Amino acid sequence: MGTPNFARPKNTTTYYVVTPEEQWEIEYLKEGIAEDLDYDLMAEKNDWDRGYPTISYANKSILLSHNLYIALDFELQITSGYYEGATLDYEAYLCLGTGYGFEVNQYSEDQLKAFIREDIEYAELELSDSEVDSEVESIYEWIANTLDSEGQRIEETFARFSQHKLECQGVFSNGEAVYIEKD
């Protein structure tokens, strides 16, 4: 039984494929991407996945200027292909003052708004219900806009650093996948 060569991207819209052959090429790639995006290199985190190991190597926090602590933390990642090559991807985490720090793409809009509302209530701000509703909408809009703009910036950089931009056309019942080159 076969398996697709590349893990499904978590946040990118394309499989940004890199084919480094030496360790120095991987380091050069990670440093170049981080520098291009003005991200900080970090102590690498490995998810220890047997099939498609992923290493987070750079991060950046974007803070909302607000009376609550609200930040989006982005981590750049490189995921090994099952047979060869690797793909570039990223994770986005929402951090709230109540201690939440979770992957944004794991929750629906309603769930995110509930977390934000809870954070506002926990902060004991003296707001009416309509003001709380307005704050929730405003914060959620900032999150959505920041995710879109930073995600686009990341993907544009990944496109410049990758050798191939692929799209998965399908996976057969035996696990093999068909990829096509994207323009």
C-alpha atoms as a PDB file:
ATOM      1  CA  MET A   1       0.000   0.000   0.000  1.00  0.00           C
ATOM      2  CA  GLY A   2       1.348   3.419  -0.949  1.00  0.00           C
ATOM      3  CA  THR A   3       0.957   6.737   0.760  1.00  0.00           C
ATOM      4  CA  PRO A   4       0.879  10.334  -0.503  1.00  0.00           C
ATOM      5  CA  ASN A   5       4.365  11.831  -0.542  1.00  0.00           C
ATOM      6  CA  PHE A   6       3.312  15.122   1.058  1.00  0.00           C
ATOM      7  CA  ALA A   7       1.219  15.773   4.147  1.00  0.00           C
ATOM      8  CA  ARG A   8      -1.908  17.839   3.534  1.00  0.00           C
ATOM      9  CA  PRO A   9      -1.140  21.522   4.257  1.00  0.00           C
ATOM     10  CA  LYS A  10      -2.606  22.864   7.487  1.00  0.00           C
ATOM     11  CA  ASN A  11      -2.959  26.491   6.418  1.00  0.00           C
ATOM     12  CA  THR A  12      -1.438  27.077   3.004  1.00  0.00           C
ATOM     13  CA  THR A  13      -3.561  26.754  -0.112  1.00  0.00           C
ATOM     14  CA  THR A  14      -0.795  25.052  -2.090  1.00  0.00           C
ATOM     15  CA  TYR A  15       1.844  22.397  -1.524  1.00  0.00           C
ATOM     16  CA  TYR A  16       5.017  24.545  -1.470  1.00  0.00           C
ATOM     17  CA  VAL A  17       7.642  21.890  -2.188  1.00  0.00           C
ATOM     18  CA  VAL A  18      11.345  22.236  -1.473  1.00  0.00           C
ATOM     19  CA  THR A  19      13.967  19.661  -2.364  1.00  0.00           C
ATOM     20  CA  PRO A  20      17.088  20.364  -0.305  1.00  0.00           C
ATOM     21  CA  GLU A  21      19.714  17.644  -0.505  1.00  0.00           C
ATOM     22  CA  GLU A  22      22.086  18.771   2.246  1.00  0.00           C
ATOM     23  CA  GLN A  23      21.481  19.975   5.796  1.00  0.00           C
ATOM     24  CA  TRP A  24      23.074  23.357   5.052  1.00  0.00           C
ATOM     25  CA  GLU A  25      20.465  23.901   2.302  1.00  0.00           C
ATOM     26  CA  ILE A  26      17.668  23.364   4.818  1.00  0.00           C
ATOM     27  CA  GLU A  27      19.244  25.812   7.272  1.00  0.00           C
ATOM     28  CA  TYR A  28      19.818  28.370   4.514  1.00  0.00           C
ATOM     29  CA  LEU A  29      16.184  27.992   3.420  1.00  0.00           C
ATOM     30  CA  LYS A  30      14.786  28.426   6.946  1.00  0.00           C
ATOM     31  CA  GLU A  31      16.983  31.456   7.644  1.00  0.00           C
ATOM     32  CA  GLY A  32      16.108  33.050   4.295  1.00  0.00           C
ATOM     33  CA  ILE A  33      12.360  32.655   4.770  1.00  0.00           C
ATOM     34  CA  ALA A  34      12.487  33.934   8.360  1.00  0.00           C
ATOM     35  CA  GLU A  35      14.569  36.940   7.335  1.00  0.00           C
ATOM     36  CA  ASP A  36      12.344  37.725   4.349  1.00  0.00           C
ATOM     37  CA  LEU A  37       9.234  37.720   6.592  1.00  0.00           C
ATOM     38  CA  ASP A  38      10.981  39.421   9.528  1.00  0.00           C
ATOM     39  CA  TYR A  39      10.288  36.440  11.799  1.00  0.00           C
ATOM     40  CA  ASP A  40      12.492  35.349  14.689  1.00  0.00           C
ATOM     41  CA  LEU A  41      14.313  32.031  14.430  1.00  0.00           C
ATOM     42  CA  MET A  42      13.317  29.895  17.396  1.00  0.00           C
ATOM     43  CA  ALA A  43      14.466  26.735  19.099  1.00  0.00           C
ATOM     44  CA  GLU A  44      13.101  24.106  16.769  1.00  0.00           C
ATOM     45  CA  LYS A  45      10.002  22.186  17.831  1.00  0.00           C
ATOM     46  CA  ASN A  46       9.491  18.728  16.363  1.00  0.00           C
ATOM     47  CA  ASP A  47       6.025  17.149  16.383  1.00  0.00           C
ATOM     48  CA  TRP A  48       7.573  13.632  16.231  1.00  0.00           C
ATOM     49  CA  ASP A  49       5.098  12.432  13.599  1.00  0.00           C
ATOM     50  CA  ARG A  50       6.431   9.158  12.164  1.00  0.00           C
ATOM     51  CA  GLY A  51       5.060   9.659   8.661  1.00  0.00           C
ATOM     52  CA  TYR A  52       5.424  13.384   8.085  1.00  0.00           C
ATOM     53  CA  PRO A  53       7.630  14.938  10.774  1.00  0.00           C
ATOM     54  CA  THR A  54       7.130  18.699  11.087  1.00  0.00           C
ATOM     55  CA  ILE A  55       9.619  21.157  12.514  1.00  0.00           C
ATOM     56  CA  SER A  56       8.590  24.663  13.596  1.00  0.00           C
ATOM     57  CA  TYR A  57      11.589  26.945  13.117  1.00  0.00           C
ATOM     58  CA  ALA A  58      10.540  30.626  13.230  1.00  0.00           C
ATOM     59  CA  ASN A  59       7.790  32.681  14.808  1.00  0.00           C
ATOM     60  CA  LYS A  60       6.249  36.102  15.117  1.00  0.00           C
ATOM     61  CA  SER A  61       3.603  37.567  17.433  1.00  0.00           C
ATOM     62  CA  ILE A  62       1.212  40.210  16.180  1.00  0.00           C
ATOM     63  CA  LEU A  63      -0.513  42.056  19.033  1.00  0.00           C
ATOM     64  CA  LEU A  64      -3.844  43.815  18.893  1.00  0.00           C
ATOM     65  CA  SER A  65      -3.600  47.257  20.439  1.00  0.00           C
ATOM     66  CA  HIS A  66      -6.403  46.839  22.948  1.00  0.00           C
ATOM     67  CA  ASN A  67      -7.044  46.931  26.689  1.00  0.00           C
ATOM     68  CA  LEU A  68      -6.962  43.107  26.670  1.00  0.00           C
ATOM     69  CA  TYR A  69      -3.987  40.904  25.795  1.00  0.00           C
ATOM     70  CA  ILE A  70      -4.824  39.489  22.370  1.00  0.00           C
ATOM     71  CA  ALA A  71      -2.186  38.193  19.994  1.00  0.00           C
ATOM     72  CA  LEU A  72      -1.842  35.987  16.962  1.00  0.00           C
ATOM     73  CA  ASP A  73       1.321  33.897  17.039  1.00  0.00           C
ATOM     74  CA  PHE A  74       2.517  32.511  13.715  1.00  0.00           C
ATOM     75  CA  GLU A  75       4.993  29.622  13.456  1.00  0.00           C
ATOM     76  CA  LEU A  76       6.710  28.724  10.200  1.00  0.00           C
ATOM     77  CA  GLN A  77       7.079  24.997   9.580  1.00  0.00           C
ATOM     78  CA  ILE A  78       8.798  22.564   7.269  1.00  0.00           C
ATOM     79  CA  THR A  79       7.252  19.099   6.905  1.00  0.00           C
ATOM     80  CA  SER A  80       9.212  16.189   5.528  1.00  0.00           C
ATOM     81  CA  GLY A  81       7.771  14.331   2.564  1.00  0.00           C
ATOM     82  CA  TYR A  82       7.080  10.639   3.081  1.00  0.00           C
ATOM     83  CA  TYR A  83       9.512   9.591   0.343  1.00  0.00           C
ATOM     84  CA  GLU A  84      11.377  12.754  -0.680  1.00  0.00           C
ATOM     85  CA  GLY A  85      11.337  16.539  -0.434  1.00  0.00           C
ATOM     86  CA  ALA A  86       9.471  18.674   2.074  1.00  0.00           C
ATOM     87  CA  THR A  87       6.664  21.213   2.171  1.00  0.00           C
ATOM     88  CA  LEU A  88       6.449  24.660   3.739  1.00  0.00           C
ATOM     89  CA  ASP A  89       3.511  25.525   5.969  1.00  0.00           C
ATOM     90  CA  TYR A  90       2.601  27.547   9.040  1.00  0.00           C
ATOM     91  CA  GLU A  91       0.438  27.449  12.156  1.00  0.00           C
ATOM     92  CA  ALA A  92      -1.492  30.363  13.644  1.00  0.00           C
ATOM     93  CA  TYR A  93      -2.289  30.439  17.362  1.00  0.00           C
ATOM     94  CA  LEU A  94      -4.681  32.799  19.114  1.00  0.00           C
ATOM     95  CA  CYS A  95      -3.463  33.894  22.539  1.00  0.00           C
ATOM     96  CA  LEU A  96      -5.860  35.564  24.944  1.00  0.00           C
ATOM     97  CA  GLY A  97      -5.295  37.037  28.390  1.00  0.00           C
ATOM     98  CA  THR A  98      -7.200  34.180  30.037  1.00  0.00           C
ATOM     99  CA  GLY A  99      -4.416  31.837  28.995  1.00  0.00           C
ATOM    100  CA  TYR A 100      -5.876  30.452  25.792  1.00  0.00           C
ATOM    101  CA  GLY A 101      -3.310  29.611  23.158  1.00  0.00           C
ATOM    102  CA  PHE A 102      -4.762  27.400  20.479  1.00  0.00           C
ATOM    103  CA  GLU A 103      -4.629  26.727  16.764  1.00  0.00           C
ATOM    104  CA  VAL A 104      -7.062  29.129  15.140  1.00  0.00           C
ATOM    105  CA  ASN A 105      -8.014  26.788  12.293  1.00  0.00           C
ATOM    106  CA  GLN A 106      -9.342  24.194  14.765  1.00  0.00           C
ATOM    107  CA  TYR A 107     -12.329  26.337  15.792  1.00  0.00           C
ATOM    108  CA  SER A 108     -15.380  27.817  14.103  1.00  0.00           C
ATOM    109  CA  GLU A 109     -16.189  31.524  14.027  1.00  0.00           C
ATOM    110  CA  ASP A 110     -18.811  31.036  16.763  1.00  0.00           C
ATOM    111  CA  GLN A 111     -16.353  29.199  19.008  1.00  0.00           C
ATOM    112  CA  LEU A 112     -13.706  31.892  18.564  1.00  0.00           C
ATOM    113  CA  LYS A 113     -16.253  34.589  19.382  1.00  0.00           C
ATOM    114  CA  ALA A 114     -17.247  32.667  22.525  1.00  0.00           C
ATOM    115  CA  PHE A 115     -13.585  32.560  23.633  1.00  0.00           C
ATOM    116  CA  ILE A 116     -13.244  36.297  23.013  1.00  0.00           C
ATOM    117  CA  ARG A 117     -16.474  37.028  24.919  1.00  0.00           C
ATOM    118  CA  GLU A 118     -15.222  34.933  27.851  1.00  0.00           C
ATOM    119  CA  ASP A 119     -11.931  36.839  27.809  1.00  0.00           C
ATOM    120  CA  ILE A 120     -13.752  40.181  27.912  1.00  0.00           C
ATOM    121  CA  GLU A 121     -15.966  38.995  30.780  1.00  0.00           C
ATOM    122  CA  TYR A 122     -12.958  37.616  32.671  1.00  0.00           C
ATOM    123  CA  ALA A 123     -11.235  41.008  32.433  1.00  0.00           C
ATOM    124  CA  GLU A 124     -14.231  42.532  34.256  1.00  0.00           C
ATOM    125  CA  LEU A 125     -14.410  45.537  31.971  1.00  0.00           C
ATOM    126  CA  GLU A 126     -17.374  47.733  32.708  1.00  0.00           C
ATOM    127  CA  LEU A 127     -19.208  47.301  29.416  1.00  0.00           C
ATOM    128  CA  SER A 128     -22.860  46.942  28.546  1.00  0.00           C
ATOM    129  CA  ASP A 129     -24.021  43.856  26.649  1.00  0.00           C
ATOM    130  CA  SER A 130     -24.135  45.798  23.378  1.00  0.00           C
ATOM    131  CA  GLU A 131     -20.599  47.123  23.983  1.00  0.00           C
ATOM    132  CA  VAL A 132     -19.381  43.580  24.651  1.00  0.00           C
ATOM    133  CA  ASP A 133     -21.038  42.425  21.402  1.00  0.00           C
ATOM    134  CA  SER A 134     -19.340  45.279  19.542  1.00  0.00           C
ATOM    135  CA  GLU A 135     -15.948  44.433  21.092  1.00  0.00           C
ATOM    136  CA  VAL A 136     -16.317  40.744  20.175  1.00  0.00           C
ATOM    137  CA  GLU A 137     -17.124  41.639  16.549  1.00  0.00           C
ATOM    138  CA  SER A 138     -14.253  44.131  16.373  1.00  0.00           C
ATOM    139  CA  ILE A 139     -11.706  41.682  17.811  1.00  0.00           C
ATOM    140  CA  TYR A 140     -12.931  38.840  15.599  1.00  0.00           C
ATOM    141  CA  GLU A 141     -12.668  41.089  12.531  1.00  0.00           C
ATOM    142  CA  TRP A 142      -9.070  41.960  13.482  1.00  0.00           C
ATOM    143  CA  ILE A 143      -8.263  38.248  13.857  1.00  0.00           C
ATOM    144  CA  ALA A 144      -9.803  37.370  10.471  1.00  0.00           C
ATOM    145  CA  ASN A 145      -8.088  40.278   8.683  1.00  0.00           C
ATOM    146  CA  THR A 146      -4.717  39.554  10.288  1.00  0.00           C
ATOM    147  CA  LEU A 147      -4.951  35.855   9.417  1.00  0.00           C
ATOM    148  CA  ASP A 148      -5.751  36.735   5.803  1.00  0.00           C
ATOM    149  CA  SER A 149      -3.063  39.374   5.341  1.00  0.00           C
ATOM    150  CA  GLU A 150      -0.283  37.508   7.159  1.00  0.00           C
ATOM    151  CA  GLY A 151      -1.262  34.226   5.508  1.00  0.00           C
ATOM    152  CA  GLN A 152      -1.020  35.855   2.089  1.00  0.00           C
ATOM    153  CA  ARG A 153       2.371  37.365   2.966  1.00  0.00           C
ATOM    154  CA  ILE A 154       3.641  33.972   4.130  1.00  0.00           C
ATOM    155  CA  GLU A 155       2.398  32.192   0.999  1.00  0.00           C
ATOM    156  CA  GLU A 156       3.989  34.784  -1.294  1.00  0.00           C
ATOM    157  CA  THR A 157       7.314  34.220   0.451  1.00  0.00           C
ATOM    158  CA  PHE A 158       6.947  30.427   0.352  1.00  0.00           C
ATOM    159  CA  ALA A 159       6.247  30.669  -3.390  1.00  0.00           C
ATOM    160  CA  ARG A 160       9.560  32.493  -3.941  1.00  0.00           C
ATOM    161  CA  PHE A 161      11.546  29.939  -1.927  1.00  0.00           C
ATOM    162  CA  SER A 162       9.949  26.704  -3.183  1.00  0.00           C
ATOM    163  CA  GLN A 163      10.998  24.698  -6.214  1.00  0.00           C
ATOM    164  CA  HIS A 164       7.466  23.487  -6.954  1.00  0.00           C
ATOM    165  CA  LYS A 165       3.960  24.703  -6.244  1.00  0.00           C
ATOM    166  CA  LEU A 166       1.704  21.665  -6.356  1.00  0.00           C
ATOM    167  CA  GLU A 167      -1.949  20.877  -6.013  1.00  0.00           C
ATOM    168  CA  CYS A 168      -3.185  17.412  -5.054  1.00  0.00           C
ATOM    169  CA  GLN A 169      -5.660  16.211  -7.684  1.00  0.00           C
ATOM    170  CA  GLY A 170      -6.657  13.107  -5.796  1.00  0.00           C
ATOM    171  CA  VAL A 171      -5.629  10.144  -3.727  1.00  0.00           C
ATOM    172  CA  PHE A 172      -6.232   6.588  -4.909  1.00  0.00           C
ATOM    173  CA  SER A 173      -7.612   3.852  -2.658  1.00  0.00           C
ATOM    174  CA  ASN A 174      -4.096   2.395  -2.377  1.00  0.00           C
ATOM    175  CA  GLY A 175      -2.895   5.709  -0.889  1.00  0.00           C
ATOM    176  CA  GLU A 176      -0.937   7.024  -3.870  1.00  0.00           C
ATOM    177  CA  ALA A 177      -1.553  10.650  -4.802  1.00  0.00           C
ATOM    178  CA  VAL A 178      -1.540  12.635  -8.033  1.00  0.00           C
ATOM    179  CA  TYR A 179      -0.061  16.139  -7.908  1.00  0.00           C
ATOM    180  CA  ILE A 180      -0.081  18.788 -10.626  1.00  0.00           C
ATOM    181  CA  GLU A 181       2.121  21.865 -10.910  1.00  0.00           C
ATOM    182  CA  LYS A 182       0.303  25.152 -10.176  1.00  0.00           C
ATOM    183  CA  ASP A 183       1.131  28.375 -11.972  1.00  0.00           C
END
